[in-house]
Amino acid sequence: MSEKDTESMEEITSFKCPACKEGNIIINQIIYDLPDKDKMLILKFKCNRCEFENNDIIPLTTRMDAGIITLKITEENDLKSKIYRSPTGNLEIPELDLKVEPGPSAEFYYTNVEGILLRFERAVSIYLDNLEDDNPEKSEIEVTLNDLQKAMKGQLKFTLKIADPSGGSYIIPEDNSKYTFIRIENSEINKE
């Protein structure tokens, strides 16, 4: 790990493996200090018999208010802004008509704006590769992919929006003047 951890990996408990049903899942935790003074709890789940393994990341210094978080991306440096999306957060880039809605197995993830764009690029590329050559949608998807590539170079201005009805998602902006947070009741977010 490149950042400083405040505690060494510690085993906290175990339970039966959901994959093989024979082994025990060992849970280890570590509290991780990030350069921006944020702290993350990293949980590692590993079966002592089979290959099952999973990780979970939980912020320890985050806003827990339900709300809508908006970040305006206007230059390449904004791509470094850190993004933490909780399992209940809807992530959207309206200008590119791209949206991620959490499903039943959604997980926390921690990345930056560039990482979000890379996730979208992979998903759009896979979708494009699966279209027939004569599909009329293909040219529209190619435009979206081209716009994503411009955005990753800081050549396209766009808005990143996270609507989180449970709270827990947050953005650490490179430029605070491009960031807004609007606290909203859960029922209002669901109407968005």
C-alpha atoms as a PDB file:
ATOM      1  CA  MET A   1       0.000   0.000   0.000  1.00  0.00           C
ATOM      2  CA  SER A   2       1.391   3.373  -0.965  1.00  0.00           C
ATOM      3  CA  GLU A   3      -0.422   5.456   1.664  1.00  0.00           C
ATOM      4  CA  LYS A   4       0.233   5.252   5.388  1.00  0.00           C
ATOM      5  CA  ASP A   5      -1.903   2.850   7.369  1.00  0.00           C
ATOM      6  CA  THR A   6      -2.646   3.696  10.982  1.00  0.00           C
ATOM      7  CA  GLU A   7      -3.148   0.133  12.162  1.00  0.00           C
ATOM      8  CA  SER A   8      -1.769  -3.125  10.856  1.00  0.00           C
ATOM      9  CA  MET A   9      -4.107  -5.718   9.355  1.00  0.00           C
ATOM     10  CA  GLU A  10      -6.182  -7.204  12.171  1.00  0.00           C
ATOM     11  CA  GLU A  11      -8.448 -10.276  12.085  1.00  0.00           C
ATOM     12  CA  ILE A  12     -11.831  -9.323  13.507  1.00  0.00           C
ATOM     13  CA  THR A  13     -14.162 -12.318  13.036  1.00  0.00           C
ATOM     14  CA  SER A  14     -15.075 -15.182  10.728  1.00  0.00           C
ATOM     15  CA  PHE A  15     -18.139 -16.968   9.312  1.00  0.00           C
ATOM     16  CA  LYS A  16     -18.988 -19.796   6.857  1.00  0.00           C
ATOM     17  CA  CYS A  17     -17.976 -19.246   3.234  1.00  0.00           C
ATOM     18  CA  PRO A  18     -20.946 -18.471   0.958  1.00  0.00           C
ATOM     19  CA  ALA A  19     -19.102 -19.967  -2.045  1.00  0.00           C
ATOM     20  CA  CYS A  20     -17.850 -23.386  -0.879  1.00  0.00           C
ATOM     21  CA  LYS A  21     -19.977 -23.699   2.297  1.00  0.00           C
ATOM     22  CA  GLU A  22     -17.082 -25.577   3.934  1.00  0.00           C
ATOM     23  CA  GLY A  23     -14.420 -23.010   4.719  1.00  0.00           C
ATOM     24  CA  ASN A  24     -14.508 -20.045   7.024  1.00  0.00           C
ATOM     25  CA  ILE A  25     -14.352 -16.463   5.822  1.00  0.00           C
ATOM     26  CA  ILE A  26     -11.648 -14.639   7.693  1.00  0.00           C
ATOM     27  CA  ILE A  27     -12.274 -10.887   7.921  1.00  0.00           C
ATOM     28  CA  ASN A  28      -9.306  -8.593   8.270  1.00  0.00           C
ATOM     29  CA  GLN A  29      -9.497  -4.845   8.691  1.00  0.00           C
ATOM     30  CA  ILE A  30      -7.125  -1.957   8.298  1.00  0.00           C
ATOM     31  CA  ILE A  31      -7.651   1.768   8.738  1.00  0.00           C
ATOM     32  CA  TYR A  32      -5.987   3.616   5.925  1.00  0.00           C
ATOM     33  CA  ASP A  33      -4.903   7.286   5.942  1.00  0.00           C
ATOM     34  CA  LEU A  34      -5.184   9.027   2.579  1.00  0.00           C
ATOM     35  CA  PRO A  35      -3.085  12.091   1.647  1.00  0.00           C
ATOM     36  CA  ASP A  36      -6.158  14.364   1.843  1.00  0.00           C
ATOM     37  CA  LYS A  37      -6.565  13.469   5.568  1.00  0.00           C
ATOM     38  CA  ASP A  38      -9.488  11.161   4.808  1.00  0.00           C
ATOM     39  CA  LYS A  39      -9.588   7.762   6.514  1.00  0.00           C
ATOM     40  CA  MET A  40     -10.916   4.564   4.991  1.00  0.00           C
ATOM     41  CA  LEU A  41     -11.703   1.260   6.647  1.00  0.00           C
ATOM     42  CA  ILE A  42     -10.656  -1.564   4.341  1.00  0.00           C
ATOM     43  CA  LEU A  43     -12.203  -4.950   5.041  1.00  0.00           C
ATOM     44  CA  LYS A  44     -10.789  -8.053   3.382  1.00  0.00           C
ATOM     45  CA  PHE A  45     -12.880 -11.220   3.266  1.00  0.00           C
ATOM     46  CA  LYS A  46     -11.048 -14.442   2.372  1.00  0.00           C
ATOM     47  CA  CYS A  47     -12.010 -18.101   2.600  1.00  0.00           C
ATOM     48  CA  ASN A  48      -9.449 -20.366   4.241  1.00  0.00           C
ATOM     49  CA  ARG A  49     -10.421 -23.263   1.883  1.00  0.00           C
ATOM     50  CA  CYS A  50     -11.463 -22.030  -1.546  1.00  0.00           C
ATOM     51  CA  GLU A  51     -10.461 -19.053  -3.690  1.00  0.00           C
ATOM     52  CA  PHE A  52     -13.339 -16.811  -2.560  1.00  0.00           C
ATOM     53  CA  GLU A  53     -12.135 -13.315  -1.762  1.00  0.00           C
ATOM     54  CA  ASN A  54     -13.807  -9.916  -1.517  1.00  0.00           C
ATOM     55  CA  ASN A  55     -12.918  -6.440  -0.280  1.00  0.00           C
ATOM     56  CA  ASP A  56     -15.028  -3.613   1.036  1.00  0.00           C
ATOM     57  CA  ILE A  57     -14.059   0.014   1.546  1.00  0.00           C
ATOM     58  CA  ILE A  58     -15.910   2.192   4.041  1.00  0.00           C
ATOM     59  CA  PRO A  59     -15.178   5.887   4.536  1.00  0.00           C
ATOM     60  CA  LEU A  60     -14.649   6.946   8.139  1.00  0.00           C
ATOM     61  CA  THR A  61     -14.682  10.708   7.571  1.00  0.00           C
ATOM     62  CA  THR A  62     -17.586  11.302   5.226  1.00  0.00           C
ATOM     63  CA  ARG A  63     -20.830  13.217   5.105  1.00  0.00           C
ATOM     64  CA  MET A  64     -23.769  10.938   5.842  1.00  0.00           C
ATOM     65  CA  ASP A  65     -26.512  13.321   4.679  1.00  0.00           C
ATOM     66  CA  ALA A  66     -28.783  12.306   1.842  1.00  0.00           C
ATOM     67  CA  GLY A  67     -28.333  14.721  -1.016  1.00  0.00           C
ATOM     68  CA  ILE A  68     -27.220  15.648  -4.489  1.00  0.00           C
ATOM     69  CA  ILE A  69     -23.534  16.290  -5.060  1.00  0.00           C
ATOM     70  CA  THR A  70     -22.458  18.129  -8.191  1.00  0.00           C
ATOM     71  CA  LEU A  71     -18.992  18.772  -9.610  1.00  0.00           C
ATOM     72  CA  LYS A  72     -18.356  20.886 -12.713  1.00  0.00           C
ATOM     73  CA  ILE A  73     -15.412  19.570 -14.737  1.00  0.00           C
ATOM     74  CA  THR A  74     -13.933  22.403 -16.788  1.00  0.00           C
ATOM     75  CA  GLU A  75     -10.240  21.533 -17.041  1.00  0.00           C
ATOM     76  CA  GLU A  76      -7.893  18.552 -16.877  1.00  0.00           C
ATOM     77  CA  ASN A  77      -6.932  19.144 -13.233  1.00  0.00           C
ATOM     78  CA  ASP A  78     -10.583  18.569 -12.201  1.00  0.00           C
ATOM     79  CA  LEU A  79     -10.189  14.931 -13.283  1.00  0.00           C
ATOM     80  CA  LYS A  80      -8.081  14.372 -10.143  1.00  0.00           C
ATOM     81  CA  SER A  81     -11.042  15.128  -7.831  1.00  0.00           C
ATOM     82  CA  LYS A  82     -11.728  12.123  -5.635  1.00  0.00           C
ATOM     83  CA  ILE A  83     -15.062  10.323  -5.837  1.00  0.00           C
ATOM     84  CA  TYR A  84     -16.537   8.026  -3.231  1.00  0.00           C
ATOM     85  CA  ARG A  85     -19.795   6.452  -4.323  1.00  0.00           C
ATOM     86  CA  SER A  86     -21.785   4.510  -1.771  1.00  0.00           C
ATOM     87  CA  PRO A  87     -23.889   1.494  -2.830  1.00  0.00           C
ATOM     88  CA  THR A  88     -26.991   3.697  -2.882  1.00  0.00           C
ATOM     89  CA  GLY A  89     -25.565   6.543  -4.981  1.00  0.00           C
ATOM     90  CA  ASN A  90     -26.817   7.218  -8.527  1.00  0.00           C
ATOM     91  CA  LEU A  91     -23.973   8.603 -10.629  1.00  0.00           C
ATOM     92  CA  GLU A  92     -24.680  10.640 -13.748  1.00  0.00           C
ATOM     93  CA  ILE A  93     -22.975  12.712 -16.440  1.00  0.00           C
ATOM     94  CA  PRO A  94     -25.972  14.481 -18.036  1.00  0.00           C
ATOM     95  CA  GLU A  95     -24.041  16.014 -20.962  1.00  0.00           C
ATOM     96  CA  LEU A  96     -23.036  12.526 -22.155  1.00  0.00           C
ATOM     97  CA  ASP A  97     -26.363  10.924 -21.258  1.00  0.00           C
ATOM     98  CA  LEU A  98     -24.536   8.397 -19.030  1.00  0.00           C
ATOM     99  CA  LYS A  99     -25.907   7.100 -15.756  1.00  0.00           C
ATOM    100  CA  VAL A 100     -25.109   4.355 -13.237  1.00  0.00           C
ATOM    101  CA  GLU A 101     -27.908   3.242 -10.968  1.00  0.00           C
ATOM    102  CA  PRO A 102     -26.998   0.899  -8.135  1.00  0.00           C
ATOM    103  CA  GLY A 103     -28.262  -2.649  -8.280  1.00  0.00           C
ATOM    104  CA  PRO A 104     -28.771  -5.141  -5.464  1.00  0.00           C
ATOM    105  CA  SER A 105     -25.079  -6.090  -5.398  1.00  0.00           C
ATOM    106  CA  ALA A 106     -23.708  -2.536  -5.715  1.00  0.00           C
ATOM    107  CA  GLU A 107     -20.593  -1.873  -3.689  1.00  0.00           C
ATOM    108  CA  PHE A 108     -18.746   1.159  -2.381  1.00  0.00           C
ATOM    109  CA  TYR A 109     -16.035   2.412  -4.676  1.00  0.00           C
ATOM    110  CA  TYR A 110     -13.372   5.042  -4.309  1.00  0.00           C
ATOM    111  CA  THR A 111     -11.747   6.549  -7.389  1.00  0.00           C
ATOM    112  CA  ASN A 112     -11.279   9.897  -9.112  1.00  0.00           C
ATOM    113  CA  VAL A 113     -13.204  11.547 -11.968  1.00  0.00           C
ATOM    114  CA  GLU A 114     -10.828   9.999 -14.495  1.00  0.00           C
ATOM    115  CA  GLY A 115     -11.547   6.552 -13.005  1.00  0.00           C
ATOM    116  CA  ILE A 116     -15.293   7.153 -13.428  1.00  0.00           C
ATOM    117  CA  LEU A 117     -14.727   8.091 -17.081  1.00  0.00           C
ATOM    118  CA  LEU A 118     -12.625   4.947 -17.626  1.00  0.00           C
ATOM    119  CA  ARG A 119     -15.447   2.791 -16.185  1.00  0.00           C
ATOM    120  CA  PHE A 120     -17.918   4.439 -18.552  1.00  0.00           C
ATOM    121  CA  GLU A 121     -15.510   4.054 -21.486  1.00  0.00           C
ATOM    122  CA  ARG A 122     -15.152   0.310 -20.844  1.00  0.00           C
ATOM    123  CA  ALA A 123     -18.918  -0.163 -20.582  1.00  0.00           C
ATOM    124  CA  VAL A 124     -19.655   1.886 -23.723  1.00  0.00           C
ATOM    125  CA  SER A 125     -16.889   0.075 -25.666  1.00  0.00           C
ATOM    126  CA  ILE A 126     -18.299  -3.334 -24.721  1.00  0.00           C
ATOM    127  CA  TYR A 127     -21.773  -2.224 -25.755  1.00  0.00           C
ATOM    128  CA  LEU A 128     -20.451  -0.866 -29.075  1.00  0.00           C
ATOM    129  CA  ASP A 129     -18.490  -4.059 -29.804  1.00  0.00           C
ATOM    130  CA  ASN A 130     -21.685  -6.091 -29.403  1.00  0.00           C
ATOM    131  CA  LEU A 131     -23.712  -4.057 -31.909  1.00  0.00           C
ATOM    132  CA  GLU A 132     -24.132  -5.280 -35.469  1.00  0.00           C
ATOM    133  CA  ASP A 133     -22.359  -3.146 -38.101  1.00  0.00           C
ATOM    134  CA  ASP A 134     -25.639  -2.011 -39.628  1.00  0.00           C
ATOM    135  CA  ASN A 135     -27.222  -1.012 -36.285  1.00  0.00           C
ATOM    136  CA  PRO A 136     -28.343   2.651 -36.549  1.00  0.00           C
ATOM    137  CA  GLU A 137     -27.429   3.176 -32.875  1.00  0.00           C
ATOM    138  CA  LYS A 138     -23.757   2.468 -33.617  1.00  0.00           C
ATOM    139  CA  SER A 139     -22.869   5.979 -34.856  1.00  0.00           C
ATOM    140  CA  GLU A 140     -24.497   7.583 -31.792  1.00  0.00           C
ATOM    141  CA  ILE A 141     -22.511   5.293 -29.470  1.00  0.00           C
ATOM    142  CA  GLU A 142     -19.294   6.125 -31.360  1.00  0.00           C
ATOM    143  CA  VAL A 143     -19.979   9.836 -30.728  1.00  0.00           C
ATOM    144  CA  THR A 144     -20.454   9.119 -27.011  1.00  0.00           C
ATOM    145  CA  LEU A 145     -17.194   7.153 -26.922  1.00  0.00           C
ATOM    146  CA  ASN A 146     -15.371   9.992 -28.704  1.00  0.00           C
ATOM    147  CA  ASP A 147     -16.818  12.514 -26.214  1.00  0.00           C
ATOM    148  CA  LEU A 148     -15.666  10.314 -23.309  1.00  0.00           C
ATOM    149  CA  GLN A 149     -12.133  10.286 -24.721  1.00  0.00           C
ATOM    150  CA  LYS A 150     -12.197  14.096 -25.015  1.00  0.00           C
ATOM    151  CA  ALA A 151     -13.460  14.328 -21.432  1.00  0.00           C
ATOM    152  CA  MET A 152     -10.568  12.133 -20.211  1.00  0.00           C
ATOM    153  CA  LYS A 153      -8.129  14.617 -21.770  1.00  0.00           C
ATOM    154  CA  GLY A 154      -9.862  17.609 -20.165  1.00  0.00           C
ATOM    155  CA  GLN A 155     -11.100  18.784 -23.578  1.00  0.00           C
ATOM    156  CA  LEU A 156     -14.833  18.502 -22.807  1.00  0.00           C
ATOM    157  CA  LYS A 157     -16.647  20.351 -20.029  1.00  0.00           C
ATOM    158  CA  PHE A 158     -19.212  18.270 -18.163  1.00  0.00           C
ATOM    159  CA  THR A 159     -21.005  17.804 -14.858  1.00  0.00           C
ATOM    160  CA  LEU A 160     -20.640  14.820 -12.544  1.00  0.00           C
ATOM    161  CA  LYS A 161     -23.689  14.356 -10.352  1.00  0.00           C
ATOM    162  CA  ILE A 162     -24.248  11.888  -7.516  1.00  0.00           C
ATOM    163  CA  ALA A 163     -27.701  11.595  -5.966  1.00  0.00           C
ATOM    164  CA  ASP A 164     -27.508   9.504  -2.803  1.00  0.00           C
ATOM    165  CA  PRO A 165     -30.743   8.834  -0.876  1.00  0.00           C
ATOM    166  CA  SER A 166     -28.884   7.234   2.048  1.00  0.00           C
ATOM    167  CA  GLY A 167     -25.877   9.527   2.223  1.00  0.00           C
ATOM    168  CA  GLY A 168     -22.315   8.297   2.334  1.00  0.00           C
ATOM    169  CA  SER A 169     -21.245   9.351  -1.167  1.00  0.00           C
ATOM    170  CA  TYR A 170     -18.941  12.318  -1.436  1.00  0.00           C
ATOM    171  CA  ILE A 171     -16.556  14.204  -3.702  1.00  0.00           C
ATOM    172  CA  ILE A 172     -13.265  15.783  -2.683  1.00  0.00           C
ATOM    173  CA  PRO A 173     -12.869  18.446  -5.388  1.00  0.00           C
ATOM    174  CA  GLU A 174      -9.595  19.818  -6.683  1.00  0.00           C
ATOM    175  CA  ASP A 175     -11.375  23.200  -6.878  1.00  0.00           C
ATOM    176  CA  ASN A 176     -14.060  23.829  -4.235  1.00  0.00           C
ATOM    177  CA  SER A 177     -15.712  26.531  -6.353  1.00  0.00           C
ATOM    178  CA  LYS A 178     -16.896  23.819  -8.781  1.00  0.00           C
ATOM    179  CA  TYR A 179     -18.541  21.706  -6.065  1.00  0.00           C
ATOM    180  CA  THR A 180     -22.058  21.856  -4.633  1.00  0.00           C
ATOM    181  CA  PHE A 181     -23.966  19.742  -2.132  1.00  0.00           C
ATOM    182  CA  ILE A 182     -27.710  20.054  -1.676  1.00  0.00           C
ATOM    183  CA  ARG A 183     -29.187  18.206   1.290  1.00  0.00           C
ATOM    184  CA  ILE A 184     -32.438  16.558   0.279  1.00  0.00           C
ATOM    185  CA  GLU A 185     -34.897  14.197   1.883  1.00  0.00           C
ATOM    186  CA  ASN A 186     -34.852  10.631   0.504  1.00  0.00           C
ATOM    187  CA  SER A 187     -38.246  11.000  -1.160  1.00  0.00           C
ATOM    188  CA  GLU A 188     -37.039  14.054  -3.102  1.00  0.00           C
ATOM    189  CA  ILE A 189     -33.967  12.235  -4.474  1.00  0.00           C
ATOM    190  CA  ASN A 190     -36.069   9.383  -5.786  1.00  0.00           C
ATOM    191  CA  LYS A 191     -38.007  11.910  -7.908  1.00  0.00           C
ATOM    192  CA  GLU A 192     -34.774  13.094  -9.593  1.00  0.00           C
END
